[in-house]
Amino acid sequence: MKINELKSVKTSNKKNKRRGRGSGSGLGKTAGRGVKGQKSRSGVSINGFEGGQMPLYRRLPKRGFKNPFKLKIQNISFTMINSIIKKYNLNPNEIKEEELFNKKIFKRSKGGLKLLNVGDLEKTTNLEISYASKKAIAVLEKLGGKIKLTKK
């Protein structure tokens, strides 16, 4: 089968309704907009307008604080590293944060990775990662591994 031999689905070649093209089209004259008024005119956007009443988004109280400088950080533990090495057959001698993002184990959009001292490490590993806790660094180096922090 070739692309030119495929049959199209009936809905895929459907023509758009041409509005305002005579009364015979069924959408002539006012083109389905009704009669007169602001909504029948072109170039009008009245989203959130409540006829002069104070709009809902202004009536409700604003709460909390969104910090624009907040760092996005994902946690990674020793137990997670063990399972990732087994599942994805990674070389424990060198695990890079970039490699974990490229293999889609973690999402880059959710922020950098931070190593936490949770669980026990089975094999000595060399890590290249954004952040790490002091205890996690101490445990990793005690087992004979090395850690390189890309951000501080």
N, C-alpha and C. Protein backbone atom coordinates (compact mmCIF):
# COMPACT_ATOMS: atom_id res chain seq x y z
N MET A 1 0.84 -1.18 0.00
CA MET A 1 0.00 0.00 0.00
C MET A 1 0.88 1.25 0.00
N LYS A 2 0.50 2.21 -0.80
CA LYS A 2 1.24 3.46 -0.89
C LYS A 2 0.36 4.61 -0.41
N ILE A 3 0.99 5.74 -0.14
CA ILE A 3 0.26 6.89 0.39
C ILE A 3 -0.83 7.33 -0.58
N ASN A 4 -0.54 7.28 -1.89
CA ASN A 4 -1.54 7.74 -2.86
C ASN A 4 -2.69 6.74 -3.02
N GLU A 5 -2.56 5.53 -2.47
CA GLU A 5 -3.62 4.54 -2.56
C GLU A 5 -4.57 4.57 -1.35
N LEU A 6 -4.21 5.34 -0.33
CA LEU A 6 -5.06 5.43 0.87
C LEU A 6 -6.36 6.15 0.55
N LYS A 7 -7.45 5.68 1.13
CA LYS A 7 -8.74 6.35 0.95
C LYS A 7 -8.96 7.28 2.13
N SER A 8 -9.43 8.48 1.86
CA SER A 8 -9.63 9.44 2.93
C SER A 8 -10.92 9.14 3.68
N VAL A 9 -10.91 9.48 4.95
CA VAL A 9 -12.12 9.36 5.77
C VAL A 9 -13.05 10.49 5.35
N LYS A 10 -14.37 10.25 5.39
CA LYS A 10 -15.32 11.26 4.91
C LYS A 10 -15.17 12.60 5.61
N THR A 11 -14.89 12.56 6.91
CA THR A 11 -14.81 13.82 7.65
C THR A 11 -13.52 14.59 7.39
N SER A 12 -12.50 13.95 6.83
CA SER A 12 -11.22 14.63 6.66
C SER A 12 -11.24 15.64 5.52
N ASN A 13 -12.14 15.47 4.54
CA ASN A 13 -12.18 16.40 3.41
C ASN A 13 -13.38 17.33 3.49
N LYS A 14 -13.88 17.55 4.69
CA LYS A 14 -15.08 18.34 4.86
C LYS A 14 -14.78 19.82 4.62
N LYS A 15 -15.62 20.50 3.84
CA LYS A 15 -15.43 21.91 3.55
C LYS A 15 -15.94 22.76 4.71
N ASN A 16 -15.29 23.90 4.94
CA ASN A 16 -15.73 24.82 5.99
C ASN A 16 -17.05 25.48 5.58
N LYS A 17 -17.85 25.84 6.59
CA LYS A 17 -19.07 26.57 6.30
C LYS A 17 -18.69 27.99 5.94
N ARG A 18 -19.14 28.46 4.78
CA ARG A 18 -18.81 29.82 4.37
C ARG A 18 -19.93 30.73 4.83
N ARG A 19 -19.62 31.55 5.80
CA ARG A 19 -20.64 32.39 6.42
C ARG A 19 -20.82 33.69 5.63
N GLY A 20 -22.05 34.18 5.64
CA GLY A 20 -22.35 35.47 5.01
C GLY A 20 -22.25 35.43 3.50
N ARG A 21 -22.64 34.33 2.86
CA ARG A 21 -22.55 34.21 1.41
C ARG A 21 -23.93 33.96 0.80
N GLY A 22 -24.91 34.74 1.21
CA GLY A 22 -26.24 34.62 0.61
C GLY A 22 -27.17 33.76 1.42
N SER A 23 -28.47 34.02 1.25
CA SER A 23 -29.48 33.32 2.04
C SER A 23 -29.58 31.84 1.68
N GLY A 24 -29.20 31.47 0.48
CA GLY A 24 -29.27 30.07 0.05
C GLY A 24 -28.29 29.18 0.81
N SER A 25 -27.23 29.75 1.37
CA SER A 25 -26.22 28.94 2.07
C SER A 25 -26.69 28.52 3.46
N GLY A 26 -27.75 29.19 3.97
CA GLY A 26 -28.22 28.89 5.32
C GLY A 26 -27.51 29.72 6.38
N LEU A 27 -26.43 30.37 6.00
CA LEU A 27 -25.71 31.23 6.94
C LEU A 27 -25.46 32.59 6.30
N GLY A 28 -26.45 33.09 5.59
CA GLY A 28 -26.32 34.39 4.94
C GLY A 28 -26.70 35.52 5.88
N LYS A 29 -26.79 36.71 5.34
CA LYS A 29 -27.18 37.93 6.05
C LYS A 29 -26.36 38.15 7.33
N THR A 30 -26.81 37.65 8.49
CA THR A 30 -26.10 37.93 9.74
C THR A 30 -25.02 36.89 10.05
N ALA A 31 -24.89 35.88 9.23
CA ALA A 31 -23.85 34.85 9.34
C ALA A 31 -23.87 34.14 10.69
N GLY A 32 -25.06 33.90 11.25
CA GLY A 32 -25.18 33.15 12.49
C GLY A 32 -24.88 33.94 13.74
N ARG A 33 -24.72 35.27 13.61
CA ARG A 33 -24.39 36.10 14.76
C ARG A 33 -25.62 36.70 15.43
N GLY A 34 -26.80 36.47 14.92
CA GLY A 34 -27.99 37.09 15.48
C GLY A 34 -28.15 38.49 14.92
N VAL A 35 -28.84 39.36 15.64
CA VAL A 35 -29.11 40.70 15.13
C VAL A 35 -28.56 41.76 16.08
N LYS A 36 -27.93 42.76 15.54
CA LYS A 36 -27.43 43.94 16.26
C LYS A 36 -26.64 43.61 17.52
N GLY A 37 -26.23 44.62 18.22
CA GLY A 37 -25.54 44.45 19.50
C GLY A 37 -24.04 44.26 19.36
N GLN A 38 -23.36 44.36 20.50
CA GLN A 38 -21.90 44.30 20.52
C GLN A 38 -21.36 42.98 19.99
N LYS A 39 -22.01 41.87 20.34
CA LYS A 39 -21.51 40.56 19.93
C LYS A 39 -21.64 40.31 18.43
N SER A 40 -22.48 41.05 17.76
CA SER A 40 -22.63 40.83 16.32
C SER A 40 -21.55 41.56 15.52
N ARG A 41 -20.86 42.49 16.16
CA ARG A 41 -19.82 43.25 15.47
C ARG A 41 -18.50 42.47 15.47
N SER A 42 -17.62 42.84 14.56
CA SER A 42 -16.32 42.17 14.52
C SER A 42 -15.34 42.89 15.44
N GLY A 43 -14.31 42.19 15.84
CA GLY A 43 -13.26 42.78 16.66
C GLY A 43 -13.66 43.05 18.09
N VAL A 44 -14.59 42.27 18.64
CA VAL A 44 -15.05 42.50 20.01
C VAL A 44 -14.66 41.30 20.86
N SER A 45 -13.95 41.57 21.97
CA SER A 45 -13.69 40.48 22.92
C SER A 45 -14.15 40.95 24.28
N ILE A 46 -15.11 40.26 24.84
CA ILE A 46 -15.67 40.68 26.13
C ILE A 46 -15.58 39.54 27.14
N ASN A 47 -14.45 38.82 27.11
CA ASN A 47 -14.27 37.74 28.07
C ASN A 47 -14.14 38.33 29.48
N GLY A 48 -14.86 37.78 30.41
CA GLY A 48 -14.78 38.23 31.79
C GLY A 48 -15.64 39.45 32.08
N PHE A 49 -16.29 40.01 31.07
CA PHE A 49 -17.15 41.17 31.29
C PHE A 49 -18.49 40.71 31.80
N GLU A 50 -18.98 41.34 32.88
CA GLU A 50 -20.23 40.91 33.49
C GLU A 50 -21.26 42.03 33.49
N GLY A 51 -21.35 42.76 32.41
CA GLY A 51 -22.37 43.79 32.29
C GLY A 51 -22.20 44.94 33.27
N GLY A 52 -21.00 45.29 33.59
CA GLY A 52 -20.75 46.40 34.50
C GLY A 52 -20.61 45.99 35.94
N GLN A 53 -21.09 44.79 36.28
CA GLN A 53 -20.90 44.27 37.63
C GLN A 53 -19.42 43.96 37.81
N MET A 54 -18.93 44.07 39.03
CA MET A 54 -17.52 43.77 39.30
C MET A 54 -17.27 42.30 38.95
N PRO A 55 -16.35 42.02 38.03
CA PRO A 55 -16.13 40.65 37.55
C PRO A 55 -15.66 39.71 38.66
N LEU A 56 -15.94 38.43 38.49
CA LEU A 56 -15.61 37.43 39.49
C LEU A 56 -14.12 37.42 39.81
N TYR A 57 -13.29 37.53 38.80
CA TYR A 57 -11.84 37.46 39.04
C TYR A 57 -11.34 38.65 39.85
N ARG A 58 -12.11 39.74 39.93
CA ARG A 58 -11.73 40.88 40.77
C ARG A 58 -12.41 40.83 42.14
N ARG A 59 -13.51 40.07 42.25
CA ARG A 59 -14.22 39.96 43.53
C ARG A 59 -13.52 38.99 44.48
N LEU A 60 -12.91 37.94 43.92
CA LEU A 60 -12.28 36.93 44.77
C LEU A 60 -10.97 37.45 45.34
N PRO A 61 -10.65 37.09 46.60
CA PRO A 61 -9.41 37.58 47.20
C PRO A 61 -8.19 36.90 46.58
N LYS A 62 -7.13 37.66 46.48
CA LYS A 62 -5.86 37.11 46.00
C LYS A 62 -5.11 36.61 47.22
N ARG A 63 -4.63 35.38 47.16
CA ARG A 63 -3.97 34.80 48.32
C ARG A 63 -2.59 34.27 47.94
N GLY A 64 -1.69 34.31 48.91
CA GLY A 64 -0.40 33.68 48.74
C GLY A 64 0.60 34.52 47.96
N PHE A 65 1.71 33.89 47.64
CA PHE A 65 2.81 34.56 46.99
C PHE A 65 3.48 33.58 46.04
N LYS A 66 3.66 33.98 44.80
CA LYS A 66 4.37 33.14 43.84
C LYS A 66 5.76 33.73 43.63
N ASN A 67 6.75 33.04 44.08
CA ASN A 67 8.12 33.53 43.97
C ASN A 67 8.62 33.33 42.54
N PRO A 68 8.93 34.43 41.83
CA PRO A 68 9.39 34.28 40.43
C PRO A 68 10.81 33.71 40.32
N PHE A 69 11.55 33.72 41.45
CA PHE A 69 12.94 33.26 41.42
C PHE A 69 13.11 31.85 42.00
N LYS A 70 11.99 31.16 42.25
CA LYS A 70 12.04 29.84 42.86
C LYS A 70 12.79 28.85 41.96
N LEU A 71 13.68 28.08 42.55
CA LEU A 71 14.41 27.05 41.80
C LEU A 71 13.58 25.80 41.70
N LYS A 72 13.51 25.23 40.51
CA LYS A 72 12.82 23.96 40.34
C LYS A 72 13.84 22.85 40.58
N ILE A 73 13.54 21.98 41.53
CA ILE A 73 14.48 20.91 41.86
C ILE A 73 13.71 19.60 42.04
N GLN A 74 14.23 18.53 41.42
CA GLN A 74 13.67 17.19 41.60
C GLN A 74 14.61 16.40 42.50
N ASN A 75 14.04 15.62 43.41
CA ASN A 75 14.85 14.82 44.32
C ASN A 75 15.18 13.47 43.71
N ILE A 76 16.41 13.02 43.96
CA ILE A 76 16.81 11.67 43.54
C ILE A 76 17.57 11.05 44.71
N SER A 77 17.25 9.79 45.01
CA SER A 77 17.85 9.14 46.17
C SER A 77 18.74 7.99 45.72
N PHE A 78 19.48 7.41 46.69
CA PHE A 78 20.32 6.27 46.38
C PHE A 78 19.50 5.07 45.91
N THR A 79 18.32 4.87 46.52
CA THR A 79 17.47 3.75 46.10
C THR A 79 17.00 3.94 44.66
N MET A 80 16.72 5.19 44.29
CA MET A 80 16.31 5.46 42.90
C MET A 80 17.47 5.20 41.95
N ILE A 81 18.67 5.58 42.35
CA ILE A 81 19.85 5.34 41.51
C ILE A 81 20.06 3.85 41.29
N ASN A 82 19.90 3.05 42.36
CA ASN A 82 20.02 1.59 42.23
C ASN A 82 19.04 1.02 41.22
N SER A 83 17.76 1.44 41.34
CA SER A 83 16.73 0.91 40.43
C SER A 83 16.94 1.41 39.00
N ILE A 84 17.43 2.64 38.83
CA ILE A 84 17.68 3.17 37.49
C ILE A 84 18.81 2.41 36.81
N ILE A 85 19.87 2.10 37.57
CA ILE A 85 21.01 1.34 37.02
C ILE A 85 20.54 -0.03 36.54
N LYS A 86 19.69 -0.71 37.34
CA LYS A 86 19.19 -2.03 36.95
C LYS A 86 18.25 -1.95 35.76
N LYS A 87 17.31 -1.01 35.81
CA LYS A 87 16.26 -0.94 34.79
C LYS A 87 16.79 -0.49 33.43
N TYR A 88 17.68 0.50 33.41
CA TYR A 88 18.13 1.08 32.14
C TYR A 88 19.54 0.65 31.75
N ASN A 89 20.12 -0.33 32.48
CA ASN A 89 21.46 -0.84 32.19
C ASN A 89 22.48 0.28 32.03
N LEU A 90 22.51 1.21 32.98
CA LEU A 90 23.47 2.31 32.93
C LEU A 90 24.80 1.87 33.52
N ASN A 91 25.85 2.52 33.07
CA ASN A 91 27.18 2.27 33.61
C ASN A 91 27.29 2.98 34.96
N PRO A 92 27.43 2.23 36.07
CA PRO A 92 27.46 2.89 37.38
C PRO A 92 28.72 3.72 37.60
N ASN A 93 29.77 3.47 36.79
CA ASN A 93 31.00 4.24 36.94
C ASN A 93 30.80 5.70 36.56
N GLU A 94 29.84 5.96 35.65
CA GLU A 94 29.61 7.34 35.25
C GLU A 94 28.15 7.57 34.91
N ILE A 95 27.46 8.28 35.80
CA ILE A 95 26.06 8.65 35.56
C ILE A 95 25.99 10.17 35.51
N LYS A 96 25.50 10.69 34.39
CA LYS A 96 25.39 12.14 34.24
C LYS A 96 23.92 12.53 34.23
N GLU A 97 23.66 13.70 34.76
CA GLU A 97 22.30 14.23 34.80
C GLU A 97 21.75 14.38 33.38
N GLU A 98 22.60 14.81 32.47
CA GLU A 98 22.20 15.00 31.06
C GLU A 98 21.71 13.68 30.46
N GLU A 99 22.39 12.59 30.82
CA GLU A 99 22.03 11.25 30.33
C GLU A 99 20.65 10.84 30.84
N LEU A 100 20.35 11.17 32.10
CA LEU A 100 19.05 10.83 32.69
C LEU A 100 17.92 11.62 32.00
N PHE A 101 18.21 12.86 31.60
CA PHE A 101 17.22 13.66 30.88
C PHE A 101 17.04 13.15 29.45
N ASN A 102 18.14 12.81 28.79
CA ASN A 102 18.07 12.34 27.40
C ASN A 102 17.33 11.02 27.26
N LYS A 103 17.49 10.14 28.27
CA LYS A 103 16.79 8.85 28.24
C LYS A 103 15.37 8.97 28.77
N LYS A 104 14.95 10.22 29.08
CA LYS A 104 13.60 10.53 29.54
C LYS A 104 13.23 9.81 30.84
N ILE A 105 14.24 9.60 31.71
CA ILE A 105 14.00 9.04 33.03
C ILE A 105 13.43 10.15 33.92
N PHE A 106 13.96 11.37 33.74
CA PHE A 106 13.46 12.56 34.42
C PHE A 106 13.14 13.62 33.37
N LYS A 107 12.21 14.52 33.70
CA LYS A 107 11.85 15.61 32.78
C LYS A 107 12.70 16.84 33.09
N ARG A 108 13.31 17.38 32.06
CA ARG A 108 14.15 18.57 32.20
C ARG A 108 13.33 19.78 32.67
N SER A 109 12.07 19.85 32.23
CA SER A 109 11.23 21.01 32.56
C SER A 109 10.90 21.09 34.05
N LYS A 110 11.00 19.97 34.76
CA LYS A 110 10.69 19.97 36.19
C LYS A 110 11.88 20.40 37.04
N GLY A 111 13.00 20.74 36.41
CA GLY A 111 14.14 21.28 37.13
C GLY A 111 15.31 20.33 37.24
N GLY A 112 16.39 20.84 37.87
CA GLY A 112 17.60 20.05 38.05
C GLY A 112 17.40 18.98 39.10
N LEU A 113 18.39 18.07 39.21
CA LEU A 113 18.30 16.96 40.15
C LEU A 113 19.12 17.25 41.40
N LYS A 114 18.59 16.83 42.54
CA LYS A 114 19.31 16.95 43.80
C LYS A 114 19.40 15.59 44.45
N LEU A 115 20.62 15.15 44.75
CA LEU A 115 20.85 13.86 45.38
C LEU A 115 20.62 13.99 46.88
N LEU A 116 19.77 13.10 47.42
CA LEU A 116 19.49 13.08 48.85
C LEU A 116 19.96 11.77 49.45
N ASN A 117 20.30 11.80 50.74
CA ASN A 117 20.80 10.61 51.44
C ASN A 117 19.62 9.75 51.90
N VAL A 118 19.01 9.04 50.95
CA VAL A 118 17.89 8.15 51.27
C VAL A 118 18.22 6.78 50.69
N GLY A 119 18.23 5.77 51.55
CA GLY A 119 18.53 4.41 51.10
C GLY A 119 20.03 4.15 51.10
N ASP A 120 20.39 2.96 50.57
CA ASP A 120 21.79 2.56 50.52
C ASP A 120 22.20 2.35 49.07
N LEU A 121 23.43 2.72 48.76
CA LEU A 121 23.96 2.57 47.40
C LEU A 121 24.62 1.20 47.29
N GLU A 122 24.27 0.44 46.24
CA GLU A 122 24.81 -0.92 46.09
C GLU A 122 26.18 -0.92 45.42
N LYS A 123 26.35 -0.09 44.39
CA LYS A 123 27.63 -0.05 43.67
C LYS A 123 28.24 1.34 43.79
N THR A 124 29.56 1.40 43.76
CA THR A 124 30.20 2.72 43.79
C THR A 124 29.92 3.41 42.45
N THR A 125 29.51 4.64 42.53
CA THR A 125 29.14 5.37 41.31
C THR A 125 29.81 6.73 41.29
N ASN A 126 30.05 7.19 40.07
CA ASN A 126 30.53 8.56 39.86
C ASN A 126 29.37 9.34 39.27
N LEU A 127 28.98 10.41 39.94
CA LEU A 127 27.81 11.18 39.53
C LEU A 127 28.19 12.58 39.07
N GLU A 128 27.48 13.04 38.07
CA GLU A 128 27.55 14.45 37.67
C GLU A 128 26.12 14.96 37.75
N ILE A 129 25.85 15.84 38.72
CA ILE A 129 24.48 16.22 39.03
C ILE A 129 24.45 17.69 39.46
N SER A 130 23.27 18.31 39.42
CA SER A 130 23.16 19.73 39.74
C SER A 130 23.43 20.03 41.22
N TYR A 131 22.71 19.34 42.11
CA TYR A 131 22.81 19.62 43.54
C TYR A 131 22.92 18.32 44.32
N ALA A 132 23.43 18.40 45.55
CA ALA A 132 23.48 17.24 46.43
C ALA A 132 23.56 17.72 47.87
N SER A 133 22.96 16.93 48.79
CA SER A 133 23.04 17.28 50.20
C SER A 133 24.42 16.89 50.73
N LYS A 134 24.83 17.53 51.82
CA LYS A 134 26.18 17.27 52.37
C LYS A 134 26.32 15.82 52.81
N LYS A 135 25.26 15.27 53.43
CA LYS A 135 25.31 13.88 53.90
C LYS A 135 25.41 12.90 52.73
N ALA A 136 24.68 13.21 51.63
CA ALA A 136 24.73 12.34 50.45
C ALA A 136 26.12 12.35 49.85
N ILE A 137 26.76 13.51 49.80
CA ILE A 137 28.12 13.61 49.27
C ILE A 137 29.08 12.79 50.14
N ALA A 138 28.93 12.91 51.46
CA ALA A 138 29.80 12.18 52.39
C ALA A 138 29.64 10.67 52.22
N VAL A 139 28.40 10.20 52.12
CA VAL A 139 28.13 8.76 51.97
C VAL A 139 28.70 8.24 50.65
N LEU A 140 28.51 9.00 49.59
CA LEU A 140 29.00 8.58 48.26
C LEU A 140 30.52 8.50 48.23
N GLU A 141 31.19 9.50 48.82
CA GLU A 141 32.66 9.51 48.82
C GLU A 141 33.23 8.46 49.77
N LYS A 142 32.48 8.13 50.82
CA LYS A 142 32.92 7.08 51.75
C LYS A 142 32.93 5.72 51.06
N LEU A 143 31.98 5.52 50.15
CA LEU A 143 31.91 4.26 49.40
C LEU A 143 32.92 4.21 48.24
N GLY A 144 33.62 5.30 48.01
CA GLY A 144 34.63 5.33 46.96
C GLY A 144 34.16 5.95 45.66
N GLY A 145 33.01 6.55 45.66
CA GLY A 145 32.51 7.23 44.45
C GLY A 145 32.89 8.69 44.45
N LYS A 146 32.71 9.31 43.29
CA LYS A 146 33.00 10.74 43.18
C LYS A 146 31.73 11.46 42.71
N ILE A 147 31.63 12.72 43.13
CA ILE A 147 30.47 13.50 42.72
C ILE A 147 30.95 14.86 42.19
N LYS A 148 30.36 15.26 41.09
CA LYS A 148 30.68 16.58 40.50
C LYS A 148 29.39 17.37 40.44
N LEU A 149 29.36 18.53 41.13
CA LEU A 149 28.18 19.37 41.14
C LEU A 149 28.29 20.40 40.03
N THR A 150 27.26 20.45 39.16
CA THR A 150 27.29 21.39 38.04
C THR A 150 26.83 22.77 38.43
N LYS A 151 25.95 22.86 39.46
CA LYS A 151 25.45 24.16 39.95
C LYS A 151 25.68 24.23 41.44
N LYS A 152 25.87 25.43 41.94
CA LYS A 152 26.05 25.57 43.39
C LYS A 152 25.15 26.64 43.93
